[in-house]
């Protein structure tokens, strides 16, 4: 990895000999439209249902944690056209383990020509530099991910020594009829949520998810992020209280842009969690059923969520029991330093 003096251009040792191919650093907000075009140019090939806007990207990049775009991003161009980009970030898990994640998008027309491999190896070298500058003696790991339809990315990761360590499903309930009954456990109640409860909800969510694989507080949203997210709608949320303590929650949302693009009426019943003292009481099931009714009342005709297939709390079985079925699988890959 070598930066050319007084320029944003980079030389990648493993870069293929493709005429006009250059690599460069992030150039600020002017790159957001390029990133948007690359993301959308990959959707069909990767079977990825996304409806990001340039404003979505701008908002997300204003809240990055443990990732500096000026330092941690890489772009590939051919004849002045951006064809790929990648970014590196890191997180610390509760046991102190430091996970260095990298991801990227490469337009399908330029895949399997060595560009993605050169960028991956650049990112690994960059990660090693970041790690060397940190005072952390816990285990360190490279991490990336891919959906089952992202065959090029999967093949690349496996060929570079990455191993699948966890699988996740996107699950869909294809209709909102015959929703089962699930009463609230005794002594708990659902109350309306508003901005004044955002911090308490975040804190309860952090505590509940701390037991889950891959959790890191570095990944948790802030009050500002929740407030700025156009999909945030507390009227859809179902937050259960035990007196003045939050026991559990489902923070549903409706992505209107995605629904419009894919011609559907889908609500997402996400951030399903219960704090330890109130587990095994049927609370998650009750809140999920209430959330299905809530999105149905908004005119939705189906619901979706994501799940860790090895979740120790039995989440996959719960979701199947109320009518959700897997439609896509995603895999997280690790490689030791």
Protein backbone atom coordinates (compact mmCIF):
# COMPACT_ATOMS: atom_id res chain seq x y z
CA UNK A 1 0.00 0.00 0.00
CA UNK A 2 1.56 3.28 -1.09
CA UNK A 3 0.06 6.76 -1.30
CA UNK A 4 1.35 8.99 -4.07
CA UNK A 5 2.73 12.24 -2.72
CA UNK A 6 0.40 15.29 -2.77
CA UNK A 7 -2.52 13.43 -4.27
CA UNK A 8 -5.49 11.29 -3.32
CA UNK A 9 -4.33 8.50 -5.64
CA UNK A 10 -3.19 5.18 -4.18
CA UNK A 11 -1.08 2.37 -5.60
CA UNK A 12 -2.35 -1.11 -4.74
CA UNK A 13 0.36 -3.80 -5.11
CA UNK A 14 -2.15 -6.46 -6.18
CA UNK A 15 -4.06 -4.30 -8.67
CA UNK A 16 -4.81 -5.89 -12.06
CA UNK A 17 -3.46 -4.32 -15.25
CA UNK A 18 -6.68 -2.80 -16.56
CA UNK A 19 -6.33 0.30 -18.75
CA UNK A 20 -7.56 3.45 -17.02
CA UNK A 21 -7.94 1.79 -13.60
CA UNK A 22 -6.97 3.98 -10.65
CA UNK A 23 -7.57 3.85 -6.90
CA UNK A 24 -8.13 6.89 -4.75
CA UNK A 25 -9.28 8.13 -1.39
CA UNK A 26 -12.66 9.54 -0.37
CA UNK A 27 -13.26 13.05 -1.73
CA UNK A 28 -16.00 14.22 0.60
CA UNK A 29 -19.68 14.74 -0.06
CA UNK A 30 -19.09 14.85 -3.81
CA UNK A 31 -18.60 11.06 -3.58
CA UNK A 32 -22.06 10.37 -2.12
CA UNK A 33 -23.78 10.36 -5.55
CA UNK A 34 -21.05 8.00 -6.84
CA UNK A 35 -21.63 5.66 -3.87
CA UNK A 36 -25.37 5.80 -4.50
CA UNK A 37 -24.90 4.84 -8.15
CA UNK A 38 -22.59 1.94 -7.26
CA UNK A 39 -24.96 0.57 -4.59
CA UNK A 40 -27.89 0.67 -6.98
CA UNK A 41 -25.80 -0.79 -9.79
CA UNK A 42 -25.16 -3.88 -7.65
CA UNK A 43 -28.70 -4.53 -6.44
CA UNK A 44 -29.99 -6.80 -9.19
CA UNK A 45 -26.90 -8.99 -9.39
CA UNK A 46 -26.77 -9.38 -5.60
CA UNK A 47 -30.53 -9.76 -5.08
CA UNK A 48 -30.30 -6.87 -2.64
CA UNK A 49 -33.49 -4.93 -1.96
CA UNK A 50 -32.27 -1.45 -1.08
CA UNK A 51 -33.73 1.96 -1.67
CA UNK A 52 -30.98 4.21 -0.33
CA UNK A 53 -31.03 7.84 -1.37
CA UNK A 54 -28.07 10.21 -1.51
CA UNK A 55 -29.52 11.92 1.54
CA UNK A 56 -29.64 8.57 3.37
CA UNK A 57 -25.94 8.10 2.69
CA UNK A 58 -25.13 11.65 3.78
CA UNK A 59 -27.07 11.17 7.03
CA UNK A 60 -25.50 7.79 7.78
CA UNK A 61 -22.00 9.09 7.18
CA UNK A 62 -22.56 11.96 9.59
CA UNK A 63 -22.90 9.40 12.41
CA UNK A 64 -20.05 6.96 11.72
CA UNK A 65 -18.30 5.47 14.76
CA UNK A 66 -14.75 4.07 14.66
CA UNK A 67 -14.50 4.84 10.96
CA UNK A 68 -13.02 7.93 9.30
CA UNK A 69 -13.99 8.13 5.60
CA UNK A 70 -10.96 10.28 4.78
CA UNK A 71 -8.71 7.55 6.13
CA UNK A 72 -10.75 4.35 5.86
CA UNK A 73 -12.37 4.46 2.41
CA UNK A 74 -11.07 3.32 -0.96
CA UNK A 75 -12.52 4.04 -4.42
CA UNK A 76 -11.79 2.46 -7.78
CA UNK A 77 -12.29 4.39 -11.01
CA UNK A 78 -11.94 3.51 -14.67
CA UNK A 79 -11.67 6.36 -17.16
CA UNK A 80 -12.98 8.78 -14.52
CA UNK A 81 -16.04 6.70 -13.59
CA UNK A 82 -16.31 5.34 -10.04
CA UNK A 83 -16.92 1.59 -10.26
CA UNK A 84 -16.29 0.45 -6.67
CA UNK A 85 -15.79 1.61 -3.13
CA UNK A 86 -15.03 0.04 0.24
CA UNK A 87 -14.85 1.12 3.86
CA UNK A 88 -13.23 -0.16 7.03
CA UNK A 89 -14.49 0.17 10.60
CA UNK A 90 -13.92 -1.55 13.94
CA UNK A 91 -15.85 -2.42 17.06
CA UNK A 92 -15.07 -3.74 20.52
CA UNK A 93 -17.18 -6.58 21.90
CA UNK A 94 -18.00 -6.94 25.61
CA UNK A 95 -15.18 -9.45 26.15
CA UNK A 96 -12.67 -6.99 24.70
CA UNK A 97 -12.32 -8.68 21.32
CA UNK A 98 -11.62 -6.14 18.56
CA UNK A 99 -13.41 -6.83 15.26
CA UNK A 100 -12.21 -5.00 12.14
CA UNK A 101 -14.93 -5.03 9.52
CA UNK A 102 -14.56 -4.23 5.84
CA UNK A 103 -17.18 -4.19 3.11
CA UNK A 104 -17.37 -3.01 -0.44
CA UNK A 105 -19.46 -2.66 -3.59
CA UNK A 106 -18.12 -3.40 -7.09
CA UNK A 107 -20.23 -2.99 -10.20
CA UNK A 108 -21.03 -6.39 -11.75
CA UNK A 109 -19.39 -5.58 -15.10
CA UNK A 110 -15.99 -5.32 -13.39
CA UNK A 111 -16.15 -8.38 -11.13
CA UNK A 112 -13.83 -11.40 -11.29
CA UNK A 113 -11.05 -9.32 -12.83
CA UNK A 114 -8.93 -8.88 -9.70
CA UNK A 115 -10.23 -5.49 -8.61
CA UNK A 116 -12.14 -6.78 -5.60
CA UNK A 117 -9.20 -8.93 -4.47
CA UNK A 118 -6.80 -5.98 -4.69
CA UNK A 119 -9.20 -3.84 -2.64
CA UNK A 120 -9.71 -6.56 -0.03
CA UNK A 121 -5.97 -6.99 0.43
CA UNK A 122 -5.51 -3.21 0.66
CA UNK A 123 -8.18 -3.11 3.37
CA UNK A 124 -6.48 -5.90 5.30
CA UNK A 125 -3.15 -4.07 5.18
CA UNK A 126 -4.87 -0.86 6.26
CA UNK A 127 -6.60 -2.68 9.13
CA UNK A 128 -3.26 -4.04 10.33
CA UNK A 129 -1.95 -0.47 10.47
CA UNK A 130 -5.00 0.65 12.45
CA UNK A 131 -4.65 -2.27 14.85
CA UNK A 132 -0.93 -1.65 15.37
CA UNK A 133 -1.69 1.90 16.47
CA UNK A 134 -4.20 0.74 19.10
CA UNK A 135 -3.37 -0.42 22.61
CA UNK A 136 -5.48 -3.56 22.65
CA UNK A 137 -4.18 -6.98 23.64
CA UNK A 138 -7.43 -8.91 23.16
CA UNK A 139 -7.97 -11.16 20.11
CA UNK A 140 -8.37 -9.32 16.80
CA UNK A 141 -10.31 -10.46 13.78
CA UNK A 142 -11.06 -9.48 10.20
CA UNK A 143 -14.79 -9.55 9.43
CA UNK A 144 -16.86 -9.26 6.28
CA UNK A 145 -20.25 -10.51 5.12
CA UNK A 146 -22.23 -11.53 2.04
CA UNK A 147 -25.67 -12.71 1.06
CA UNK A 148 -26.12 -16.12 -0.52
CA UNK A 149 -26.73 -14.48 -3.92
CA UNK A 150 -23.47 -12.51 -3.69
CA UNK A 151 -21.51 -15.33 -5.26
CA UNK A 152 -18.50 -13.25 -6.32
CA UNK A 153 -17.99 -11.80 -2.86
CA UNK A 154 -18.47 -15.19 -1.21
CA UNK A 155 -15.95 -16.86 -3.51
CA UNK A 156 -13.43 -14.07 -2.89
CA UNK A 157 -13.71 -14.26 0.88
CA UNK A 158 -13.37 -18.03 0.96
CA UNK A 159 -10.37 -17.96 -1.38
CA UNK A 160 -8.68 -15.41 0.91
CA UNK A 161 -8.99 -17.63 3.97
CA UNK A 162 -12.22 -16.36 5.53
CA UNK A 163 -14.54 -18.82 7.24
CA UNK A 164 -18.30 -18.61 7.70
CA UNK A 165 -18.99 -18.10 11.41
CA UNK A 166 -22.65 -17.07 11.58
CA UNK A 167 -25.76 -17.13 9.43
CA UNK A 168 -28.72 -14.74 9.46
CA UNK A 169 -32.11 -14.91 7.83
CA UNK A 170 -34.35 -12.24 6.46
CA UNK A 171 -37.81 -13.56 7.28
CA UNK A 172 -41.20 -12.52 5.91
CA UNK A 173 -44.76 -13.11 7.07
CA UNK A 174 -46.47 -13.02 3.66
CA UNK A 175 -49.83 -11.82 4.98
CA UNK A 176 -51.23 -10.26 8.12
CA UNK A 177 -54.29 -12.46 8.47
CA UNK A 178 -54.93 -14.93 11.29
CA UNK A 179 -52.47 -13.26 13.63
CA UNK A 180 -52.29 -15.46 16.75
CA UNK A 181 -53.30 -14.28 20.19
CA UNK A 182 -50.55 -13.56 22.72
CA UNK A 183 -51.60 -11.76 25.92
CA UNK A 184 -49.20 -9.60 27.88
CA UNK A 185 -47.57 -11.17 30.95
CA UNK A 186 -49.13 -10.05 34.22
CA UNK A 187 -47.74 -6.85 35.69
CA UNK A 188 -46.43 -5.43 32.39
CA UNK A 189 -47.99 -2.80 30.18
CA UNK A 190 -47.31 -1.16 26.84
CA UNK A 191 -47.16 2.64 26.90
CA UNK A 192 -46.86 5.20 24.09
CA UNK A 193 -43.27 6.15 23.28
CA UNK A 194 -41.94 9.56 22.35
CA UNK A 195 -38.63 11.44 22.06
CA UNK A 196 -38.44 11.82 25.83
CA UNK A 197 -38.11 8.02 26.12
CA UNK A 198 -35.52 7.58 23.35
CA UNK A 199 -32.50 7.41 25.68
CA UNK A 200 -34.19 4.98 28.06
CA UNK A 201 -35.16 2.79 25.10
CA UNK A 202 -31.58 2.84 23.78
CA UNK A 203 -30.19 1.92 27.20
CA UNK A 204 -32.65 -0.96 27.64
CA UNK A 205 -31.90 -2.23 24.13
CA UNK A 206 -28.16 -2.22 24.82
CA UNK A 207 -28.65 -4.22 27.99
CA UNK A 208 -30.95 -6.74 26.31
CA UNK A 209 -28.72 -7.28 23.27
CA UNK A 210 -25.51 -7.56 25.30
CA UNK A 211 -26.08 -11.33 25.46
CA UNK A 212 -26.32 -11.65 21.68
CA UNK A 213 -23.54 -12.81 19.36
CA UNK A 214 -21.50 -9.97 17.86
CA UNK A 215 -22.97 -7.27 20.09
CA UNK A 216 -21.02 -4.05 20.53
CA UNK A 217 -22.14 -0.75 21.99
CA UNK A 218 -20.17 0.86 19.16
CA UNK A 219 -22.96 -0.23 16.77
CA UNK A 220 -25.87 1.11 18.81
CA UNK A 221 -27.71 4.22 17.55
CA UNK A 222 -27.79 7.54 19.38
CA UNK A 223 -30.82 9.68 20.17
CA UNK A 224 -29.83 11.97 17.30
CA UNK A 225 -29.69 9.09 14.82
CA UNK A 226 -33.12 7.84 15.84
CA UNK A 227 -34.59 11.34 15.67
CA UNK A 228 -33.11 12.01 12.22
CA UNK A 229 -34.10 8.68 10.66
CA UNK A 230 -37.07 9.31 8.32
CA UNK A 231 -38.39 5.80 9.08
CA UNK A 232 -38.60 6.44 12.83
CA UNK A 233 -42.26 6.32 13.90
CA UNK A 234 -42.76 5.76 17.65
CA UNK A 235 -46.49 5.29 17.07
CA UNK A 236 -45.59 1.87 15.66
CA UNK A 237 -43.36 0.93 18.59
CA UNK A 238 -44.47 -1.44 21.31
CA UNK A 239 -42.46 -0.82 24.48
CA UNK A 240 -43.35 -2.84 27.60
CA UNK A 241 -42.85 -1.34 31.05
CA UNK A 242 -42.66 -2.87 34.52
CA UNK A 243 -43.33 0.17 36.65
CA UNK A 244 -40.64 2.66 35.70
CA UNK A 245 -38.38 0.08 34.01
CA UNK A 246 -38.45 -1.02 30.37
CA UNK A 247 -38.89 -4.79 30.15
CA UNK A 248 -38.81 -5.27 26.39
CA UNK A 249 -39.66 -3.76 23.02
CA UNK A 250 -40.32 -4.12 19.31
CA UNK A 251 -39.45 -0.98 17.33
CA UNK A 252 -41.35 -1.41 14.07
CA UNK A 253 -41.01 0.84 11.06
CA UNK A 254 -42.26 1.21 7.50
CA UNK A 255 -39.78 2.00 4.72
CA UNK A 256 -42.00 3.87 2.28
CA UNK A 257 -39.26 4.28 -0.34
CA UNK A 258 -38.53 0.57 -0.37
CA UNK A 259 -42.23 -0.29 -0.52
CA UNK A 260 -42.69 2.04 -3.48
CA UNK A 261 -39.69 0.64 -5.38
CA UNK A 262 -40.68 -3.00 -4.86
CA UNK A 263 -44.42 -2.44 -5.16
CA UNK A 264 -45.40 -3.89 -1.81
CA UNK A 265 -46.90 -2.96 1.55
CA UNK A 266 -44.39 -4.26 4.12
CA UNK A 267 -43.81 -3.30 7.73
CA UNK A 268 -40.61 -4.24 9.57
CA UNK A 269 -40.98 -5.61 13.09
CA UNK A 270 -37.43 -5.13 14.28
CA UNK A 271 -35.29 -4.52 17.38
CA UNK A 272 -37.13 -7.32 19.18
CA UNK A 273 -35.60 -7.70 22.64
CA UNK A 274 -36.45 -8.48 26.25
CA UNK A 275 -34.27 -7.72 29.26
CA UNK A 276 -33.17 -10.67 31.38
CA UNK A 277 -35.62 -10.38 34.33
CA UNK A 278 -38.61 -10.62 31.96
CA UNK A 279 -37.52 -13.40 29.63
CA UNK A 280 -39.37 -16.73 29.28
CA UNK A 281 -42.70 -15.07 30.14
CA UNK A 282 -44.06 -14.75 26.61
CA UNK A 283 -43.33 -11.03 26.42
CA UNK A 284 -41.45 -11.10 23.09
CA UNK A 285 -44.28 -13.06 21.49
CA UNK A 286 -46.92 -10.67 22.81
CA UNK A 287 -45.03 -7.57 21.65
CA UNK A 288 -44.38 -9.10 18.23
CA UNK A 289 -48.07 -9.98 17.79
CA UNK A 290 -49.04 -6.45 18.83
CA UNK A 291 -46.55 -5.11 16.29
CA UNK A 292 -48.10 -7.18 13.52
CA UNK A 293 -51.46 -5.63 14.34
CA UNK A 294 -49.89 -2.17 14.40
CA UNK A 295 -48.41 -2.40 10.90
CA UNK A 296 -51.61 -3.99 9.61
CA UNK A 297 -53.59 -1.03 10.94
CA UNK A 298 -51.30 1.19 8.82
CA UNK A 299 -52.40 -0.68 5.70
CA UNK A 300 -49.46 -3.05 5.43
CA UNK A 301 -50.05 -6.52 4.01
CA UNK A 302 -46.88 -8.29 5.09
CA UNK A 303 -44.15 -8.05 7.72
CA UNK A 304 -40.42 -8.76 7.77
CA UNK A 305 -37.54 -9.03 10.22
CA UNK A 306 -33.97 -10.25 10.49
CA UNK A 307 -32.71 -12.98 12.82
CA UNK A 308 -29.51 -14.68 13.91
CA UNK A 309 -30.18 -18.33 13.07
CA UNK A 310 -28.26 -19.46 16.17
CA UNK A 311 -29.79 -16.97 18.61
CA UNK A 312 -29.68 -18.66 22.02
CA UNK A 313 -33.01 -17.19 23.13
CA UNK A 314 -34.88 -19.22 20.52
CA UNK A 315 -35.80 -16.21 18.39
CA UNK A 316 -35.95 -18.23 15.15
CA UNK A 317 -38.49 -20.65 16.62
CA UNK A 318 -40.54 -17.77 17.99
CA UNK A 319 -40.72 -16.00 14.64
CA UNK A 320 -41.63 -19.19 12.83
CA UNK A 321 -44.39 -19.83 15.37
CA UNK A 322 -46.11 -16.56 14.46
CA UNK A 323 -45.88 -17.12 10.71
CA UNK A 324 -42.51 -15.77 9.55
CA UNK A 325 -40.55 -17.80 7.00
CA UNK A 326 -36.94 -17.40 5.76
CA UNK A 327 -36.58 -15.76 2.34
CA UNK A 328 -32.86 -14.85 2.27
CA UNK A 329 -29.72 -15.89 4.08
CA UNK A 330 -26.69 -13.76 4.90
CA UNK A 331 -23.36 -14.95 6.28
CA UNK A 332 -20.71 -13.31 8.43
CA UNK A 333 -17.13 -14.35 7.70
CA UNK A 334 -14.09 -14.09 9.99
CA UNK A 335 -10.38 -14.42 9.47
CA UNK A 336 -7.83 -14.24 12.31
CA UNK A 337 -5.02 -11.73 12.10
